[in-house]
C-alpha atoms as a PDB file:
ATOM      1  CA  GLY A   1      -0.731 -14.383  16.704  1.00  0.00           C
ATOM      2  CA  TYR A   2       1.482 -11.599  15.707  1.00  0.00           C
ATOM      3  CA  SER A   3       3.964 -10.872  18.752  1.00  0.00           C
ATOM      4  CA  ARG A   4       5.462  -7.385  17.398  1.00  0.00           C
ATOM      5  CA  VAL A   5       3.740  -4.139  16.881  1.00  0.00           C
ATOM      6  CA  TYR A   6       4.894  -0.635  16.029  1.00  0.00           C
ATOM      7  CA  THR A   7       2.276   2.410  15.454  1.00  0.00           C
ATOM      8  CA  VAL A   8       2.031   5.705  14.490  1.00  0.00           C
ATOM      9  CA  LYS A   9      -0.813   7.586  16.252  1.00  0.00           C
ATOM     10  CA  PRO A  10      -3.843   9.045  14.009  1.00  0.00           C
ATOM     11  CA  VAL A  11      -4.323  12.537  14.051  1.00  0.00           C
ATOM     12  CA  GLY A  12      -7.610  13.287  14.922  1.00  0.00           C
ATOM     13  CA  ARG A  13     -10.115  10.819  13.777  1.00  0.00           C
ATOM     14  CA  SER A  14      -7.911  10.243  10.526  1.00  0.00           C
ATOM     15  CA  GLY A  15      -4.819   8.135   9.664  1.00  0.00           C
ATOM     16  CA  GLY A  16      -2.923   5.859  12.250  1.00  0.00           C
ATOM     17  CA  LEU A  17      -0.607   3.139  11.060  1.00  0.00           C
ATOM     18  CA  ALA A  18      -0.087   0.040  12.904  1.00  0.00           C
ATOM     19  CA  VAL A  19       2.423  -2.701  11.400  1.00  0.00           C
ATOM     20  CA  PHE A  20       2.175  -6.278  12.968  1.00  0.00           C
ATOM     21  CA  TRP A  21       4.611  -9.281  12.769  1.00  0.00           C
ATOM     22  CA  LYS A  22       5.642 -12.600  13.966  1.00  0.00           C
ATOM     23  CA  SER A  23       8.968 -13.069  16.036  1.00  0.00           C
ATOM     24  CA  ASP A  24      10.699 -15.062  12.785  1.00  0.00           C
ATOM     25  CA  VAL A  25      10.874 -11.989  10.895  1.00  0.00           C
ATOM     26  CA  ASP A  26      13.446  -8.909  11.877  1.00  0.00           C
ATOM     27  CA  ILE A  27      12.112  -5.490  10.939  1.00  0.00           C
ATOM     28  CA  GLU A  28      14.219  -2.511  11.232  1.00  0.00           C
ATOM     29  CA  VAL A  29      11.889   0.840  10.971  1.00  0.00           C
ATOM     30  CA  LEU A  30      13.951   3.113   8.935  1.00  0.00           C
ATOM     31  CA  SER A  31      11.471   6.045   9.113  1.00  0.00           C
ATOM     32  CA  ALA A  32       8.284   6.797  10.150  1.00  0.00           C
ATOM     33  CA  ASP A  33       5.651   9.361  10.142  1.00  0.00           C
ATOM     34  CA  LYS A  34       1.694  10.170   9.847  1.00  0.00           C
ATOM     35  CA  ASN A  35       1.958   8.896   6.570  1.00  0.00           C
ATOM     36  CA  LEU A  36       4.579   6.436   6.078  1.00  0.00           C
ATOM     37  CA  VAL A  37       6.436   3.758   7.994  1.00  0.00           C
ATOM     38  CA  ASP A  38       9.230   2.728   6.072  1.00  0.00           C
ATOM     39  CA  MET A  39      11.083  -0.663   7.002  1.00  0.00           C
ATOM     40  CA  SER A  40      13.812  -3.398   6.468  1.00  0.00           C
ATOM     41  CA  VAL A  41      12.600  -6.746   6.406  1.00  0.00           C
ATOM     42  CA  GLN A  42      14.111  -9.810   6.691  1.00  0.00           C
ATOM     43  CA  PHE A  43      12.453 -12.676   6.187  1.00  0.00           C
ATOM     44  CA  GLY A  44      13.984 -16.121   6.172  1.00  0.00           C
ATOM     45  CA  ASP A  45      16.824 -15.763   3.946  1.00  0.00           C
ATOM     46  CA  LYS A  46      14.832 -12.805   1.983  1.00  0.00           C
ATOM     47  CA  THR A  47      15.649  -9.243   2.662  1.00  0.00           C
ATOM     48  CA  PHE A  48      13.428  -6.425   1.048  1.00  0.00           C
ATOM     49  CA  PHE A  49      12.107  -3.016   1.860  1.00  0.00           C
ATOM     50  CA  VAL A  50       8.314  -2.224   2.762  1.00  0.00           C
ATOM     51  CA  SER A  51       6.810   1.186   2.879  1.00  0.00           C
ATOM     52  CA  CYS A  52       3.254   1.154   4.855  1.00  0.00           C
ATOM     53  CA  ILE A  53       1.477   4.056   3.450  1.00  0.00           C
ATOM     54  CA  TYR A  54      -1.487   6.429   4.336  1.00  0.00           C
ATOM     55  CA  CYS A  55      -1.369   9.052   1.768  1.00  0.00           C
ATOM     56  CA  GLU A  56      -3.250  12.601   2.396  1.00  0.00           C
ATOM     57  CA  PRO A  57      -6.962  12.294   2.271  1.00  0.00           C
ATOM     58  CA  ASN A  58      -6.644  16.143   1.088  1.00  0.00           C
ATOM     59  CA  GLU A  59      -6.231  16.108  -2.629  1.00  0.00           C
ATOM     60  CA  GLY A  60      -4.022  19.344  -2.617  1.00  0.00           C
ATOM     61  CA  LYS A  61      -1.608  18.040  -0.153  1.00  0.00           C
ATOM     62  CA  ARG A  62      -0.643  14.708  -1.915  1.00  0.00           C
ATOM     63  CA  LYS A  63       1.787  16.161  -4.626  1.00  0.00           C
ATOM     64  CA  TRP A  64       4.431  16.822  -2.295  1.00  0.00           C
ATOM     65  CA  PHE A  65       3.704  13.106  -0.325  1.00  0.00           C
ATOM     66  CA  TRP A  66       4.284  11.603  -4.006  1.00  0.00           C
ATOM     67  CA  GLU A  67       7.315  13.832  -4.551  1.00  0.00           C
ATOM     68  CA  LYS A  68       8.475  12.297  -1.200  1.00  0.00           C
ATOM     69  CA  ILE A  69       8.237   8.437  -2.232  1.00  0.00           C
ATOM     70  CA  ILE A  70       9.550   9.521  -5.672  1.00  0.00           C
ATOM     71  CA  ARG A  71      12.793  10.844  -3.702  1.00  0.00           C
ATOM     72  CA  LEU A  72      12.710   7.683  -1.449  1.00  0.00           C
ATOM     73  CA  GLY A  73      12.274   5.345  -4.699  1.00  0.00           C
ATOM     74  CA  VAL A  74      15.359   6.538  -6.887  1.00  0.00           C
ATOM     75  CA  GLN A  75      17.731   6.158  -4.231  1.00  0.00           C
ATOM     76  CA  ARG A  76      16.590   2.764  -3.361  1.00  0.00           C
ATOM     77  CA  SER A  77      17.881  -0.332  -4.887  1.00  0.00           C
ATOM     78  CA  GLY A  78      16.656  -4.363  -4.118  1.00  0.00           C
ATOM     79  CA  PRO A  79      13.283  -5.341  -3.693  1.00  0.00           C
ATOM     80  CA  TRP A  80      10.810  -3.078  -2.673  1.00  0.00           C
ATOM     81  CA  CYS A  81       7.024  -3.311  -1.792  1.00  0.00           C
ATOM     82  CA  MET A  82       4.272  -0.354  -0.918  1.00  0.00           C
ATOM     83  CA  ILE A  83       1.146  -1.649   0.790  1.00  0.00           C
ATOM     84  CA  GLY A  84      -1.938   0.516   2.478  1.00  0.00           C
ATOM     85  CA  ASP A  85      -4.051   3.336   1.703  1.00  0.00           C
ATOM     86  CA  PHE A  86      -2.931   5.390  -1.093  1.00  0.00           C
ATOM     87  CA  ASN A  87      -5.984   7.813  -1.316  1.00  0.00           C
ATOM     88  CA  ALA A  88      -5.699   7.896  -4.859  1.00  0.00           C
ATOM     89  CA  ILE A  89      -6.395   6.034  -8.344  1.00  0.00           C
ATOM     90  CA  CYS A  90      -4.785   4.937 -11.541  1.00  0.00           C
ATOM     91  CA  GLY A  91      -7.947   6.291 -13.453  1.00  0.00           C
ATOM     92  CA  ASN A  92     -11.447   6.386 -13.842  1.00  0.00           C
ATOM     93  CA  HIS A  93     -11.715   2.573 -14.374  1.00  0.00           C
ATOM     94  CA  GLU A  94     -10.709   2.170 -10.552  1.00  0.00           C
ATOM     95  CA  LYS A  95     -14.203   3.872  -9.490  1.00  0.00           C
ATOM     96  CA  ILE A  96     -17.917   3.590  -9.579  1.00  0.00           C
ATOM     97  CA  GLY A  97     -19.878   6.294  -9.342  1.00  0.00           C
ATOM     98  CA  GLY A  98     -20.083  10.148  -9.301  1.00  0.00           C
ATOM     99  CA  PRO A  99     -18.812  12.040 -12.244  1.00  0.00           C
ATOM    100  CA  SER A 100     -15.849  11.161 -14.334  1.00  0.00           C
ATOM    101  CA  ARG A 101     -12.553  12.861 -13.357  1.00  0.00           C
ATOM    102  CA  SER A 102     -10.271  14.211 -15.860  1.00  0.00           C
ATOM    103  CA  ASP A 103      -6.676  12.601 -16.233  1.00  0.00           C
ATOM    104  CA  ALA A 104      -4.613  15.444 -14.862  1.00  0.00           C
ATOM    105  CA  THR A 105      -6.118  14.097 -11.647  1.00  0.00           C
ATOM    106  CA  PHE A 106      -4.602  10.893 -11.908  1.00  0.00           C
ATOM    107  CA  ALA A 107      -1.018  12.098 -13.167  1.00  0.00           C
ATOM    108  CA  CYS A 108       0.944  12.479  -9.611  1.00  0.00           C
ATOM    109  CA  PHE A 109       0.020   8.821  -8.278  1.00  0.00           C
ATOM    110  CA  ASN A 110       0.627   7.445 -11.719  1.00  0.00           C
ATOM    111  CA  ASP A 111       4.101   9.319 -11.868  1.00  0.00           C
ATOM    112  CA  MET A 112       5.118   8.108  -8.577  1.00  0.00           C
ATOM    113  CA  LEU A 113       4.464   4.386  -9.646  1.00  0.00           C
ATOM    114  CA  LYS A 114       6.273   4.664 -12.462  1.00  0.00           C
ATOM    115  CA  ALA A 115       9.390   6.237 -11.121  1.00  0.00           C
ATOM    116  CA  CYS A 116       9.519   3.705  -8.228  1.00  0.00           C
ATOM    117  CA  LYS A 117       8.783   0.874 -11.516  1.00  0.00           C
ATOM    118  CA  MET A 118       6.022  -0.547  -9.218  1.00  0.00           C
ATOM    119  CA  LYS A 119       3.556  -3.339 -10.208  1.00  0.00           C
ATOM    120  CA  GLU A 120       0.441  -4.330  -8.547  1.00  0.00           C
ATOM    121  CA  PRO A 121       0.419  -8.368  -7.841  1.00  0.00           C
ATOM    122  CA  ILE A 122      -2.442 -10.727  -8.634  1.00  0.00           C
ATOM    123  CA  SER A 123      -5.924  -9.584  -6.502  1.00  0.00           C
ATOM    124  CA  GLN A 124      -8.548 -11.584  -5.099  1.00  0.00           C
ATOM    125  CA  GLY A 125     -12.017  -9.995  -3.914  1.00  0.00           C
ATOM    126  CA  ASP A 126     -13.592  -6.961  -4.155  1.00  0.00           C
ATOM    127  CA  PRO A 127     -10.736  -4.607  -5.135  1.00  0.00           C
ATOM    128  CA  PHE A 128     -12.844  -1.641  -4.522  1.00  0.00           C
ATOM    129  CA  THR A 129     -11.784  -0.999  -0.987  1.00  0.00           C
ATOM    130  CA  TRP A 130     -13.559   2.233  -0.044  1.00  0.00           C
ATOM    131  CA  GLY A 131     -17.017   3.381  -0.011  1.00  0.00           C
ATOM    132  CA  GLY A 132     -18.732   6.626   0.635  1.00  0.00           C
ATOM    133  CA  ARG A 133     -21.029   9.559  -0.246  1.00  0.00           C
ATOM    134  CA  ARG A 134     -19.735  12.294  -2.337  1.00  0.00           C
ATOM    135  CA  GLY A 135     -22.207  14.910  -2.481  1.00  0.00           C
ATOM    136  CA  ASP A 136     -25.234  13.299  -3.627  1.00  0.00           C
ATOM    137  CA  HIS A 137     -23.388  10.202  -5.292  1.00  0.00           C
ATOM    138  CA  TRP A 138     -22.216   7.147  -3.669  1.00  0.00           C
ATOM    139  CA  VAL A 139     -18.510   6.261  -4.853  1.00  0.00           C
ATOM    140  CA  SER A 140     -16.270   3.091  -4.333  1.00  0.00           C
ATOM    141  CA  CYS A 141     -12.782   3.260  -5.496  1.00  0.00           C
ATOM    142  CA  LYS A 142      -9.688   0.956  -5.032  1.00  0.00           C
ATOM    143  CA  LEU A 143      -7.537   3.167  -2.913  1.00  0.00           C
ATOM    144  CA  ASP A 144      -5.971   0.386  -0.624  1.00  0.00           C
ATOM    145  CA  ARG A 145      -3.641  -1.964  -2.163  1.00  0.00           C
ATOM    146  CA  CYS A 146      -0.093  -3.201  -2.451  1.00  0.00           C
ATOM    147  CA  PHE A 147       2.542  -2.639  -5.370  1.00  0.00           C
ATOM    148  CA  GLY A 148       6.254  -4.159  -5.594  1.00  0.00           C
ATOM    149  CA  ASN A 149       8.948  -3.738  -7.946  1.00  0.00           C
ATOM    150  CA  LYS A 150      10.594  -6.335 -10.194  1.00  0.00           C
ATOM    151  CA  ASP A 151      13.032  -6.842  -7.324  1.00  0.00           C
ATOM    152  CA  TRP A 152      10.218  -7.875  -5.074  1.00  0.00           C
ATOM    153  CA  LEU A 153       7.838  -9.783  -7.638  1.00  0.00           C
ATOM    154  CA  ASP A 154      11.317 -11.701  -8.319  1.00  0.00           C
ATOM    155  CA  ILE A 155      11.651 -13.110  -5.012  1.00  0.00           C
ATOM    156  CA  PHE A 156       7.774 -13.340  -4.422  1.00  0.00           C
ATOM    157  CA  PRO A 157       6.739 -14.726  -8.053  1.00  0.00           C
ATOM    158  CA  ASP A 158       3.395 -16.198  -6.517  1.00  0.00           C
ATOM    159  CA  ALA A 159       2.835 -12.831  -4.171  1.00  0.00           C
ATOM    160  CA  ASN A 160      -0.945 -11.682  -4.195  1.00  0.00           C
ATOM    161  CA  GLN A 161      -3.302  -9.772  -2.337  1.00  0.00           C
ATOM    162  CA  SER A 162      -6.524 -10.180  -0.910  1.00  0.00           C
ATOM    163  CA  PHE A 163      -8.992  -7.401  -0.169  1.00  0.00           C
ATOM    164  CA  LEU A 164     -11.204  -8.618   2.642  1.00  0.00           C
ATOM    165  CA  GLU A 165     -14.058  -7.519   4.536  1.00  0.00           C
ATOM    166  CA  LYS A 166     -15.213  -3.998   6.122  1.00  0.00           C
ATOM    167  CA  ARG A 167     -15.371  -4.346   9.389  1.00  0.00           C
ATOM    168  CA  GLY A 168     -15.748  -1.126  11.905  1.00  0.00           C
ATOM    169  CA  SER A 169     -14.432   0.930   8.771  1.00  0.00           C
ATOM    170  CA  ASP A 170     -15.273   2.292   5.550  1.00  0.00           C
ATOM    171  CA  HIS A 171     -11.998   0.648   4.167  1.00  0.00           C
ATOM    172  CA  ARG A 172     -11.459  -2.847   3.363  1.00  0.00           C
ATOM    173  CA  PRO A 173      -8.098  -4.611   4.697  1.00  0.00           C
ATOM    174  CA  VAL A 174      -5.514  -5.919   2.184  1.00  0.00           C
ATOM    175  CA  LEU A 175      -3.788  -9.192   3.214  1.00  0.00           C
ATOM    176  CA  VAL A 176      -0.567  -9.780   1.261  1.00  0.00           C
ATOM    177  CA  ASN A 177       0.205 -13.022   0.889  1.00  0.00           C
ATOM    178  CA  LEU A 178       4.217 -13.713  -0.057  1.00  0.00           C
ATOM    179  CA  ASN A 179       4.632 -16.943  -1.470  1.00  0.00           C
ATOM    180  CA  THR A 180       8.276 -18.189  -2.341  1.00  0.00           C
ATOM    181  CA  VAL A 181       8.227 -21.176  -5.080  1.00  0.00           C
ATOM    182  CA  HIS A 182      11.870 -22.111  -3.948  1.00  0.00           C
ATOM    183  CA  GLN A 183      11.544 -22.400  -0.324  1.00  0.00           C
ATOM    184  CA  GLY A 184       7.780 -23.019   0.027  1.00  0.00           C
ATOM    185  CA  ARG A 185       7.389 -20.664   3.144  1.00  0.00           C
ATOM    186  CA  LYS A 186       4.488 -18.591   3.442  1.00  0.00           C
ATOM    187  CA  GLY A 187       4.338 -15.094   5.001  1.00  0.00           C
ATOM    188  CA  ARG A 188       1.672 -12.492   5.569  1.00  0.00           C
ATOM    189  CA  PHE A 189       1.511  -8.760   5.876  1.00  0.00           C
END
């Protein structure tokens, strides 16, 4: 049911981004690379920014990406949300299995969320969106999700995210429902 698509090809067997939208939504891609598709969206009478994220799976390469997002965030004004595979968690409470990690391993991700003033909308479903073996342990983590700033949450006060069933991937897809109380209009990303 989607008439438009924008893709960034994967590198090897990882990554790749695809954004699908319907013809009644206007999207301008502001920038795109293997880790980020940043867009301006016109949805009805609402204009906002969406950043689709695929963060580096290699932890050693993530810090530069969070710094890039912070630079984007401090220059951005207006409603903004981020959705995707962040390959990072806010703390040990967002993982099941494996050894506990030090708080320092969460600092860059949490600093980015704080600098960009992002909050997570209400969630439905199993939030542990990724699962896999790490050494001798099965680990599940909350890697895939959506965040929005105050302006975005103000124009979509009933926005929520649903974590769907895994199909053909070790990640659960995230469905973001945009519900506007004032218009009664609904949309999905």
